[in-house]
C-alpha cells in the first residue's frame, strides 16, 4: 500500500501527460489542416476584399466565437470533421475561437502585419482545455489541472494549463487580390 501511495502521483502524471499531449497534437493537426485548406482556397478565390466573400471562405462570422455562415466551407468542414464545433460536426466556434483571412481580417496582432505581399494567410485561434468541452462555460474548462508530486500533497504541483492554440497557413495568390 505504501509503494502504491508513493507511486500514484507519478502514474497520474504520466497518464494526464499522455492525455494532454495526445489531445494537443490531435487538435494542432486538425487546426493546421483547416488553415492550409482555407489558405489554398482563399488564394484561388477572387474578390477577397469583400467581407461576404471572406465569410463564405471562412464558413464563420469574424470575431471571437464565430457563428456558422457557410457549412460547405472547407474550413468549416475540416473543423467539423474533428468535432471542434458546438454540436460536434456542425454549429459555431467556441468563445475565444476565431478564423481570419489575412491581411483583410487583421485584428492588430503583431504577426498579422507580417503577411508577405502577394500571399493570403489563414489564422485559426482555438481555446485548448484538457478535460473539458470549450463550449461548457465555467467549471473544469476554466480551471488548470495540477498534480502534486509528494505523498502529502504539499509542494508545487505540475500544471496542465488551458491556453489558446494558433495555427497559420500561407499561400501565394493564384488570383490577383488588392490588399487595400
N, C-alpha and C. Protein backbone atom coordinates (compact mmCIF):
# COMPACT_ATOMS: atom_id res chain seq x y z
N UNK A 1 0.83 -1.19 0.00
CA UNK A 1 0.00 0.00 0.00
C UNK A 1 0.87 1.26 0.00
N UNK A 2 1.95 1.22 0.74
CA UNK A 2 2.84 2.38 0.80
C UNK A 2 3.47 2.63 -0.57
N UNK A 3 3.91 1.56 -1.22
CA UNK A 3 4.50 1.72 -2.55
C UNK A 3 3.49 2.25 -3.55
N UNK A 4 2.26 1.77 -3.48
CA UNK A 4 1.21 2.28 -4.36
C UNK A 4 0.95 3.76 -4.08
N UNK A 5 0.90 4.11 -2.81
CA UNK A 5 0.67 5.51 -2.44
C UNK A 5 1.79 6.42 -2.92
N UNK A 6 3.02 5.92 -2.87
CA UNK A 6 4.15 6.74 -3.32
C UNK A 6 4.24 6.82 -4.85
N UNK A 7 3.83 5.76 -5.53
CA UNK A 7 3.93 5.76 -6.99
C UNK A 7 2.72 6.37 -7.69
N UNK A 8 1.58 6.50 -7.00
CA UNK A 8 0.36 7.01 -7.63
C UNK A 8 0.52 8.42 -8.23
N UNK A 9 1.17 9.36 -7.57
CA UNK A 9 1.33 10.68 -8.21
C UNK A 9 2.09 10.60 -9.54
N UNK A 10 3.11 9.76 -9.60
CA UNK A 10 3.87 9.63 -10.84
C UNK A 10 3.04 8.96 -11.93
N UNK A 11 2.27 7.95 -11.57
CA UNK A 11 1.40 7.30 -12.55
C UNK A 11 0.33 8.26 -13.06
N UNK A 12 -0.23 9.05 -12.17
CA UNK A 12 -1.23 10.04 -12.58
C UNK A 12 -0.60 11.10 -13.49
N UNK A 13 0.61 11.52 -13.17
CA UNK A 13 1.31 12.50 -14.01
C UNK A 13 1.51 11.95 -15.41
N UNK A 14 1.95 10.71 -15.51
CA UNK A 14 2.17 10.10 -16.82
C UNK A 14 0.85 9.97 -17.58
N UNK A 15 -0.19 9.52 -16.90
CA UNK A 15 -1.50 9.35 -17.54
C UNK A 15 -2.04 10.69 -18.05
N UNK A 16 -2.02 11.72 -17.22
CA UNK A 16 -2.55 13.02 -17.63
C UNK A 16 -1.66 13.65 -18.70
N UNK A 17 -0.35 13.44 -18.64
CA UNK A 17 0.54 13.96 -19.68
C UNK A 17 0.22 13.32 -21.03
N UNK A 18 -0.06 12.03 -21.04
CA UNK A 18 -0.44 11.36 -22.29
C UNK A 18 -1.74 11.95 -22.83
N UNK A 19 -2.72 12.15 -21.97
CA UNK A 19 -3.98 12.78 -22.40
C UNK A 19 -3.75 14.19 -22.92
N UNK A 20 -2.97 14.98 -22.19
CA UNK A 20 -2.72 16.37 -22.55
C UNK A 20 -2.06 16.48 -23.91
N UNK A 21 -0.93 15.79 -24.09
CA UNK A 21 -0.20 15.90 -25.35
C UNK A 21 -0.92 15.21 -26.50
N UNK A 22 -1.61 14.12 -26.24
CA UNK A 22 -2.40 13.48 -27.30
C UNK A 22 -3.49 14.39 -27.82
N UNK A 23 -4.24 15.00 -26.91
CA UNK A 23 -5.30 15.94 -27.32
C UNK A 23 -4.71 17.16 -28.00
N UNK A 24 -3.60 17.66 -27.47
CA UNK A 24 -2.95 18.82 -28.07
C UNK A 24 -2.52 18.54 -29.51
N UNK A 25 -1.85 17.42 -29.74
CA UNK A 25 -1.38 17.10 -31.08
C UNK A 25 -2.53 16.83 -32.04
N UNK A 26 -3.59 16.19 -31.59
CA UNK A 26 -4.76 15.96 -32.43
C UNK A 26 -5.38 17.30 -32.86
N UNK A 27 -5.56 18.19 -31.91
CA UNK A 27 -6.16 19.49 -32.24
C UNK A 27 -5.24 20.32 -33.11
N UNK A 28 -3.93 20.27 -32.85
CA UNK A 28 -2.97 21.01 -33.67
C UNK A 28 -3.05 20.57 -35.12
N UNK A 29 -3.10 19.28 -35.36
CA UNK A 29 -3.17 18.77 -36.73
C UNK A 29 -4.48 19.15 -37.41
N UNK A 30 -5.59 19.08 -36.68
CA UNK A 30 -6.89 19.45 -37.26
C UNK A 30 -6.92 20.94 -37.61
N UNK A 31 -6.40 21.79 -36.73
CA UNK A 31 -6.38 23.24 -36.99
C UNK A 31 -5.43 23.57 -38.14
N UNK A 32 -4.28 22.92 -38.19
CA UNK A 32 -3.33 23.17 -39.27
C UNK A 32 -3.92 22.75 -40.61
N UNK A 33 -4.57 21.59 -40.66
CA UNK A 33 -5.20 21.13 -41.89
C UNK A 33 -6.27 22.13 -42.35
N UNK A 34 -7.11 22.60 -41.43
CA UNK A 34 -8.15 23.56 -41.78
C UNK A 34 -7.54 24.86 -42.29
N UNK A 35 -6.47 25.32 -41.66
CA UNK A 35 -5.81 26.56 -42.10
C UNK A 35 -5.18 26.39 -43.48
N UNK A 36 -4.52 25.25 -43.71
CA UNK A 36 -3.89 25.01 -45.02
C UNK A 36 -4.92 24.95 -46.14
N UNK A 37 -5.98 24.19 -45.92
CA UNK A 37 -7.02 24.09 -46.96
C UNK A 37 -7.70 25.44 -47.19
N UNK A 38 -7.93 26.18 -46.11
CA UNK A 38 -8.53 27.51 -46.24
C UNK A 38 -7.63 28.47 -47.00
N UNK A 39 -6.33 28.41 -46.75
CA UNK A 39 -5.39 29.29 -47.47
C UNK A 39 -5.34 28.94 -48.95
N UNK A 40 -5.34 27.63 -49.26
CA UNK A 40 -5.35 27.23 -50.68
C UNK A 40 -6.60 27.73 -51.39
N UNK A 41 -7.75 27.57 -50.74
CA UNK A 41 -9.00 28.02 -51.34
C UNK A 41 -9.02 29.54 -51.46
N UNK A 42 -8.59 30.25 -50.43
CA UNK A 42 -8.59 31.72 -50.47
C UNK A 42 -7.66 32.24 -51.56
N UNK A 43 -6.55 31.54 -51.83
CA UNK A 43 -5.62 32.00 -52.86
C UNK A 43 -6.24 31.91 -54.26
N UNK A 44 -7.25 31.07 -54.41
CA UNK A 44 -7.92 30.90 -55.72
C UNK A 44 -9.24 31.64 -55.81
N UNK A 45 -9.65 32.30 -54.72
CA UNK A 45 -10.95 32.98 -54.69
C UNK A 45 -10.79 34.45 -55.05
N UNK A 46 -11.48 34.92 -56.08
CA UNK A 46 -11.39 36.34 -56.43
C UNK A 46 -12.20 37.19 -55.45
N UNK A 47 -11.85 38.47 -55.38
CA UNK A 47 -12.61 39.48 -54.63
C UNK A 47 -12.63 39.22 -53.12
N UNK A 48 -11.48 38.90 -52.55
CA UNK A 48 -11.41 38.71 -51.11
C UNK A 48 -11.52 40.02 -50.33
N UNK A 49 -11.46 41.14 -51.03
CA UNK A 49 -11.65 42.42 -50.33
C UNK A 49 -13.09 42.56 -49.83
N UNK A 50 -14.01 41.80 -50.40
CA UNK A 50 -15.41 41.81 -49.98
C UNK A 50 -15.58 40.94 -48.74
N UNK A 51 -16.15 41.49 -47.68
CA UNK A 51 -16.29 40.74 -46.42
C UNK A 51 -17.22 39.54 -46.56
N UNK A 52 -18.23 39.63 -47.41
CA UNK A 52 -19.13 38.49 -47.62
C UNK A 52 -18.40 37.32 -48.28
N UNK A 53 -17.52 37.63 -49.22
CA UNK A 53 -16.74 36.58 -49.87
C UNK A 53 -15.84 35.89 -48.86
N UNK A 54 -15.18 36.68 -47.99
CA UNK A 54 -14.33 36.09 -46.96
C UNK A 54 -15.14 35.26 -45.97
N UNK A 55 -16.35 35.70 -45.64
CA UNK A 55 -17.21 34.92 -44.74
C UNK A 55 -17.57 33.57 -45.35
N UNK A 56 -17.80 33.54 -46.65
CA UNK A 56 -18.11 32.28 -47.32
C UNK A 56 -16.90 31.34 -47.31
N UNK A 57 -15.70 31.90 -47.48
CA UNK A 57 -14.48 31.07 -47.45
C UNK A 57 -14.22 30.58 -46.03
N UNK A 58 -14.36 31.46 -45.03
CA UNK A 58 -14.14 31.10 -43.63
C UNK A 58 -15.17 30.09 -43.15
N UNK A 59 -16.41 30.32 -43.50
CA UNK A 59 -17.51 29.49 -43.00
C UNK A 59 -18.08 30.01 -41.70
N UNK A 60 -17.46 31.02 -41.11
CA UNK A 60 -17.87 31.58 -39.83
C UNK A 60 -17.86 33.11 -39.90
N UNK A 61 -18.58 33.74 -38.98
CA UNK A 61 -18.50 35.19 -38.86
C UNK A 61 -17.15 35.55 -38.26
N UNK A 62 -16.76 36.79 -38.47
CA UNK A 62 -15.47 37.25 -37.95
C UNK A 62 -15.60 37.51 -36.45
N UNK A 63 -14.52 37.34 -35.74
CA UNK A 63 -14.52 37.65 -34.31
C UNK A 63 -14.53 36.41 -33.46
N UNK A 64 -14.45 36.63 -32.15
CA UNK A 64 -14.38 35.55 -31.19
C UNK A 64 -15.69 34.77 -31.14
N UNK A 65 -15.59 33.45 -31.19
CA UNK A 65 -16.78 32.61 -31.13
C UNK A 65 -17.65 32.76 -32.36
N UNK A 66 -17.03 32.68 -33.54
CA UNK A 66 -17.73 32.90 -34.80
C UNK A 66 -18.93 32.00 -35.01
N UNK A 67 -20.01 32.60 -35.51
CA UNK A 67 -21.21 31.85 -35.82
C UNK A 67 -21.14 31.24 -37.20
N UNK A 68 -21.87 30.19 -37.41
CA UNK A 68 -21.91 29.46 -38.68
C UNK A 68 -22.46 30.36 -39.78
N UNK A 69 -21.75 30.41 -40.93
CA UNK A 69 -22.20 31.15 -42.10
C UNK A 69 -22.36 30.21 -43.30
N UNK A 70 -21.32 29.40 -43.56
CA UNK A 70 -21.31 28.54 -44.73
C UNK A 70 -20.83 27.14 -44.33
N UNK A 71 -21.75 26.20 -44.09
CA UNK A 71 -21.34 24.85 -43.67
C UNK A 71 -20.64 24.05 -44.77
N UNK A 72 -20.62 24.56 -46.02
CA UNK A 72 -19.91 23.87 -47.09
C UNK A 72 -18.47 24.37 -47.24
N UNK A 73 -18.06 25.34 -46.43
CA UNK A 73 -16.69 25.86 -46.47
C UNK A 73 -15.71 24.76 -46.10
N UNK A 74 -14.52 24.77 -46.73
CA UNK A 74 -13.51 23.77 -46.39
C UNK A 74 -13.04 23.90 -44.94
N UNK A 75 -12.93 25.12 -44.45
CA UNK A 75 -12.51 25.33 -43.06
C UNK A 75 -13.58 24.78 -42.11
N UNK A 76 -14.82 25.10 -42.38
CA UNK A 76 -15.93 24.61 -41.55
C UNK A 76 -15.95 23.08 -41.55
N UNK A 77 -15.82 22.48 -42.72
CA UNK A 77 -15.86 21.03 -42.85
C UNK A 77 -14.70 20.37 -42.09
N UNK A 78 -13.50 20.94 -42.20
CA UNK A 78 -12.34 20.37 -41.51
C UNK A 78 -12.48 20.45 -40.00
N UNK A 79 -12.97 21.59 -39.49
CA UNK A 79 -13.16 21.72 -38.05
C UNK A 79 -14.30 20.82 -37.56
N UNK A 80 -15.33 20.66 -38.39
CA UNK A 80 -16.43 19.78 -38.04
C UNK A 80 -16.00 18.31 -38.03
N UNK A 81 -15.14 17.92 -38.96
CA UNK A 81 -14.66 16.54 -39.01
C UNK A 81 -13.87 16.18 -37.75
N UNK A 82 -13.26 17.18 -37.12
CA UNK A 82 -12.51 16.94 -35.88
C UNK A 82 -13.37 17.16 -34.64
N UNK A 83 -14.68 17.36 -34.84
CA UNK A 83 -15.63 17.61 -33.73
C UNK A 83 -15.23 18.81 -32.89
N UNK A 84 -14.81 19.89 -33.53
CA UNK A 84 -14.39 21.10 -32.82
C UNK A 84 -15.45 22.19 -32.86
N UNK A 85 -16.67 21.85 -33.28
CA UNK A 85 -17.75 22.83 -33.35
C UNK A 85 -18.76 22.57 -32.23
N UNK A 86 -19.66 23.50 -31.99
CA UNK A 86 -20.56 23.44 -30.83
C UNK A 86 -21.44 22.20 -30.81
N UNK A 87 -21.85 21.69 -31.94
CA UNK A 87 -22.67 20.48 -31.99
C UNK A 87 -21.89 19.31 -32.58
N UNK A 88 -20.60 19.29 -32.36
CA UNK A 88 -19.76 18.23 -32.92
C UNK A 88 -19.34 18.59 -34.33
N UNK A 89 -20.07 18.07 -35.32
CA UNK A 89 -19.70 18.32 -36.71
C UNK A 89 -20.40 19.53 -37.31
N UNK A 90 -21.31 20.15 -36.60
CA UNK A 90 -21.98 21.36 -37.06
C UNK A 90 -22.02 22.37 -35.92
N UNK A 91 -22.38 23.60 -36.24
CA UNK A 91 -22.54 24.60 -35.19
C UNK A 91 -21.55 25.73 -35.30
N UNK A 92 -21.32 26.40 -34.16
CA UNK A 92 -20.48 27.57 -34.08
C UNK A 92 -19.13 27.23 -33.45
N UNK A 93 -18.23 28.19 -33.51
CA UNK A 93 -16.96 28.07 -32.81
C UNK A 93 -17.16 28.40 -31.34
N UNK A 94 -16.31 27.90 -30.44
CA UNK A 94 -16.44 28.26 -29.02
C UNK A 94 -15.99 29.70 -28.79
N UNK A 95 -16.36 30.23 -27.66
CA UNK A 95 -15.93 31.57 -27.28
C UNK A 95 -14.40 31.59 -27.22
N UNK A 96 -13.80 32.60 -27.79
CA UNK A 96 -12.35 32.70 -27.83
C UNK A 96 -11.74 32.15 -29.11
N UNK A 97 -12.52 31.45 -29.93
CA UNK A 97 -12.01 30.92 -31.19
C UNK A 97 -12.34 31.90 -32.32
N UNK A 98 -11.46 31.96 -33.30
CA UNK A 98 -11.73 32.81 -34.46
C UNK A 98 -10.94 32.32 -35.67
N UNK A 99 -11.49 32.62 -36.83
CA UNK A 99 -10.85 32.30 -38.10
C UNK A 99 -10.72 33.62 -38.85
N UNK A 100 -9.50 33.92 -39.29
CA UNK A 100 -9.26 35.18 -40.00
C UNK A 100 -8.52 34.91 -41.31
N UNK A 101 -8.90 35.68 -42.33
CA UNK A 101 -8.20 35.66 -43.60
C UNK A 101 -7.41 36.96 -43.67
N UNK A 102 -6.10 36.82 -43.68
CA UNK A 102 -5.21 37.98 -43.61
C UNK A 102 -4.67 38.32 -44.99
N UNK A 103 -4.46 39.58 -45.28
CA UNK A 103 -4.36 40.74 -44.40
C UNK A 103 -5.69 41.45 -44.13
N UNK A 104 -6.79 41.03 -44.68
CA UNK A 104 -8.04 41.80 -44.60
C UNK A 104 -8.70 41.75 -43.23
N UNK A 105 -8.67 40.62 -42.55
CA UNK A 105 -9.37 40.47 -41.27
C UNK A 105 -8.49 40.74 -40.06
N UNK A 106 -7.35 41.36 -40.25
CA UNK A 106 -6.39 41.56 -39.16
C UNK A 106 -7.02 42.30 -37.99
N UNK A 107 -6.73 41.80 -36.78
CA UNK A 107 -7.23 42.46 -35.57
C UNK A 107 -6.12 43.24 -34.87
N UNK A 108 -4.99 43.44 -35.54
CA UNK A 108 -3.89 44.21 -34.97
C UNK A 108 -2.84 43.37 -34.28
N UNK A 109 -2.99 42.04 -34.28
CA UNK A 109 -1.98 41.16 -33.70
C UNK A 109 -0.67 41.40 -34.44
N UNK A 110 0.46 41.54 -33.72
CA UNK A 110 1.73 41.86 -34.39
C UNK A 110 2.09 40.94 -35.55
N UNK A 111 1.82 39.65 -35.47
CA UNK A 111 2.13 38.74 -36.56
C UNK A 111 1.28 38.95 -37.80
N UNK A 112 0.12 39.59 -37.64
CA UNK A 112 -0.76 39.83 -38.79
C UNK A 112 -0.17 40.82 -39.78
N UNK A 113 0.65 41.72 -39.29
CA UNK A 113 1.23 42.76 -40.13
C UNK A 113 2.28 42.18 -41.07
N UNK A 114 2.86 41.04 -40.71
CA UNK A 114 3.96 40.45 -41.46
C UNK A 114 3.51 39.52 -42.58
N UNK A 115 2.28 39.64 -43.06
CA UNK A 115 1.83 38.81 -44.18
C UNK A 115 2.56 39.27 -45.44
N UNK A 116 3.34 38.40 -46.08
CA UNK A 116 4.10 38.81 -47.25
C UNK A 116 3.18 39.27 -48.39
N UNK A 117 3.63 40.29 -49.13
CA UNK A 117 2.88 40.80 -50.26
C UNK A 117 2.72 39.70 -51.31
N UNK A 118 1.53 39.58 -51.86
CA UNK A 118 1.26 38.56 -52.86
C UNK A 118 0.83 37.23 -52.27
N UNK A 119 0.57 37.22 -50.97
CA UNK A 119 0.12 35.99 -50.32
C UNK A 119 -1.15 36.25 -49.53
N UNK A 120 -1.86 35.19 -49.25
CA UNK A 120 -3.02 35.23 -48.37
C UNK A 120 -2.73 34.25 -47.25
N UNK A 121 -3.17 34.61 -46.06
CA UNK A 121 -2.89 33.77 -44.89
C UNK A 121 -4.18 33.52 -44.14
N UNK A 122 -4.34 32.31 -43.63
CA UNK A 122 -5.48 31.98 -42.78
C UNK A 122 -4.93 31.69 -41.39
N UNK A 123 -5.50 32.36 -40.38
CA UNK A 123 -5.11 32.14 -38.99
C UNK A 123 -6.32 31.63 -38.23
N UNK A 124 -6.13 30.55 -37.49
CA UNK A 124 -7.20 29.98 -36.67
C UNK A 124 -6.72 29.97 -35.22
N UNK A 125 -7.48 30.61 -34.35
CA UNK A 125 -7.25 30.58 -32.90
C UNK A 125 -8.34 29.71 -32.29
N UNK A 126 -7.95 28.82 -31.38
CA UNK A 126 -8.92 27.90 -30.76
C UNK A 126 -8.51 27.67 -29.32
N UNK A 127 -9.45 27.75 -28.36
CA UNK A 127 -9.10 27.53 -26.95
C UNK A 127 -8.85 26.05 -26.67
N UNK A 128 -7.81 25.78 -25.88
CA UNK A 128 -7.46 24.42 -25.51
C UNK A 128 -7.74 24.21 -24.02
N UNK A 129 -8.55 23.24 -23.71
CA UNK A 129 -8.81 22.83 -22.33
C UNK A 129 -8.70 21.31 -22.29
N UNK A 130 -7.93 20.79 -21.36
CA UNK A 130 -7.60 19.36 -21.36
C UNK A 130 -8.81 18.46 -21.18
N UNK A 131 -9.50 18.57 -20.08
CA UNK A 131 -10.57 17.62 -19.76
C UNK A 131 -11.94 18.28 -19.80
N UNK A 132 -12.17 19.15 -20.76
CA UNK A 132 -13.43 19.88 -20.78
C UNK A 132 -13.85 20.21 -22.19
N UNK A 133 -15.11 20.45 -22.31
CA UNK A 133 -15.70 20.93 -23.55
C UNK A 133 -15.54 22.45 -23.56
N UNK A 134 -14.92 23.05 -24.58
CA UNK A 134 -14.72 24.51 -24.58
C UNK A 134 -16.04 25.29 -24.69
N UNK A 135 -17.15 24.61 -24.93
CA UNK A 135 -18.44 25.28 -25.03
C UNK A 135 -19.18 25.29 -23.70
N UNK A 136 -18.58 24.67 -22.66
CA UNK A 136 -19.26 24.46 -21.40
C UNK A 136 -19.32 25.64 -20.45
N UNK A 137 -18.71 26.75 -20.74
CA UNK A 137 -18.74 27.89 -19.83
C UNK A 137 -17.80 27.71 -18.67
N UNK A 138 -18.30 27.79 -17.44
CA UNK A 138 -17.43 27.67 -16.27
C UNK A 138 -17.26 26.21 -15.88
N UNK A 139 -16.57 26.00 -14.80
CA UNK A 139 -16.32 24.64 -14.35
C UNK A 139 -14.90 24.24 -14.66
N UNK A 140 -14.71 22.96 -14.95
CA UNK A 140 -13.36 22.44 -15.18
C UNK A 140 -12.72 23.06 -16.42
N UNK A 141 -13.53 23.53 -17.38
CA UNK A 141 -12.98 24.12 -18.59
C UNK A 141 -12.20 25.38 -18.29
N UNK A 142 -12.55 26.08 -17.22
CA UNK A 142 -11.87 27.34 -16.92
C UNK A 142 -10.78 27.17 -15.87
N UNK A 143 -10.51 25.95 -15.44
CA UNK A 143 -9.51 25.70 -14.41
C UNK A 143 -8.31 25.00 -15.01
N UNK A 144 -7.16 25.22 -14.38
CA UNK A 144 -5.96 24.48 -14.73
C UNK A 144 -5.87 23.25 -13.85
N UNK A 145 -5.23 22.21 -14.34
CA UNK A 145 -5.11 20.96 -13.60
C UNK A 145 -3.69 20.86 -13.08
N UNK A 146 -3.54 20.54 -11.79
CA UNK A 146 -2.23 20.38 -11.19
C UNK A 146 -2.14 19.08 -10.43
N UNK A 147 -0.99 18.43 -10.50
CA UNK A 147 -0.77 17.18 -9.77
C UNK A 147 0.41 17.40 -8.84
N UNK A 148 0.18 17.25 -7.54
CA UNK A 148 1.26 17.37 -6.56
C UNK A 148 2.10 16.10 -6.61
N UNK A 149 3.40 16.26 -6.59
CA UNK A 149 4.30 15.12 -6.74
C UNK A 149 4.88 14.66 -5.40
N UNK A 150 4.20 14.96 -4.28
CA UNK A 150 4.65 14.47 -2.97
C UNK A 150 3.51 13.69 -2.33
N UNK A 151 3.85 12.83 -1.39
CA UNK A 151 2.85 11.95 -0.78
C UNK A 151 1.79 12.70 -0.01
N UNK A 152 2.14 13.81 0.63
CA UNK A 152 1.14 14.53 1.43
C UNK A 152 0.45 15.66 0.65
N UNK A 153 0.77 15.83 -0.64
CA UNK A 153 0.10 16.83 -1.47
C UNK A 153 0.68 18.22 -1.35
N UNK A 154 1.76 18.38 -0.58
CA UNK A 154 2.38 19.70 -0.48
C UNK A 154 3.39 19.87 -1.60
N UNK A 155 3.91 21.06 -1.74
CA UNK A 155 4.88 21.33 -2.80
C UNK A 155 4.20 21.90 -4.02
N UNK A 156 4.98 22.21 -5.01
CA UNK A 156 4.45 22.80 -6.25
C UNK A 156 3.90 21.72 -7.16
N UNK A 157 2.63 21.83 -7.55
CA UNK A 157 2.08 20.82 -8.46
C UNK A 157 2.54 21.05 -9.90
N UNK A 158 2.56 19.98 -10.67
CA UNK A 158 2.82 20.08 -12.11
C UNK A 158 1.54 20.59 -12.75
N UNK A 159 1.62 21.70 -13.49
CA UNK A 159 0.43 22.34 -14.06
C UNK A 159 0.20 21.93 -15.51
N UNK A 160 -1.05 21.67 -15.84
CA UNK A 160 -1.51 21.45 -17.21
C UNK A 160 -2.49 22.58 -17.51
N UNK A 161 -1.98 23.67 -18.06
CA UNK A 161 -2.76 24.89 -18.20
C UNK A 161 -3.62 24.90 -19.45
N UNK A 162 -4.71 25.67 -19.40
CA UNK A 162 -5.53 25.95 -20.56
C UNK A 162 -4.92 27.14 -21.30
N UNK A 163 -5.02 27.16 -22.62
CA UNK A 163 -4.44 28.26 -23.41
C UNK A 163 -5.14 28.30 -24.77
N UNK A 164 -4.78 29.29 -25.57
CA UNK A 164 -5.33 29.41 -26.92
C UNK A 164 -4.30 28.92 -27.92
N UNK A 165 -4.70 27.97 -28.75
CA UNK A 165 -3.84 27.44 -29.80
C UNK A 165 -4.00 28.32 -31.04
N UNK A 166 -2.91 28.54 -31.78
CA UNK A 166 -2.97 29.31 -33.01
C UNK A 166 -2.26 28.55 -34.11
N UNK A 167 -2.92 28.42 -35.25
CA UNK A 167 -2.31 27.82 -36.43
C UNK A 167 -2.47 28.78 -37.60
N UNK A 168 -1.43 28.88 -38.42
CA UNK A 168 -1.45 29.75 -39.61
C UNK A 168 -1.00 28.95 -40.82
N UNK A 169 -1.53 29.34 -41.97
CA UNK A 169 -1.08 28.78 -43.24
C UNK A 169 -1.08 29.90 -44.27
N UNK A 170 -0.08 29.91 -45.13
CA UNK A 170 0.09 30.95 -46.13
C UNK A 170 0.12 30.31 -47.51
N UNK A 171 -0.52 30.98 -48.49
CA UNK A 171 -0.49 30.52 -49.88
C UNK A 171 -0.32 31.73 -50.78
N UNK A 172 0.38 31.54 -51.88
CA UNK A 172 0.55 32.62 -52.87
C UNK A 172 -0.74 32.80 -53.64
N UNK A 173 -1.05 34.06 -53.94
CA UNK A 173 -2.27 34.35 -54.70
C UNK A 173 -2.21 33.69 -56.06
N UNK A 174 -3.26 32.97 -56.40
CA UNK A 174 -3.40 32.44 -57.76
C UNK A 174 -4.30 33.35 -58.57
N UNK A 175 -5.10 34.15 -57.88
CA UNK A 175 -5.96 35.18 -58.49
C UNK A 175 -5.55 36.49 -57.84
N UNK A 176 -5.27 37.52 -58.62
CA UNK A 176 -4.80 38.78 -58.05
C UNK A 176 -5.81 39.35 -57.08
N UNK A 177 -5.32 39.76 -55.92
CA UNK A 177 -6.15 40.40 -54.89
C UNK A 177 -5.57 41.78 -54.63
N UNK A 178 -6.43 42.72 -54.37
CA UNK A 178 -6.00 44.05 -53.94
C UNK A 178 -5.99 44.05 -52.42
N UNK A 179 -4.80 44.16 -51.79
CA UNK A 179 -4.74 44.06 -50.33
C UNK A 179 -5.36 45.26 -49.61
N UNK A 180 -5.70 46.31 -50.31
CA UNK A 180 -6.26 47.51 -49.65
C UNK A 180 -7.76 47.46 -49.53
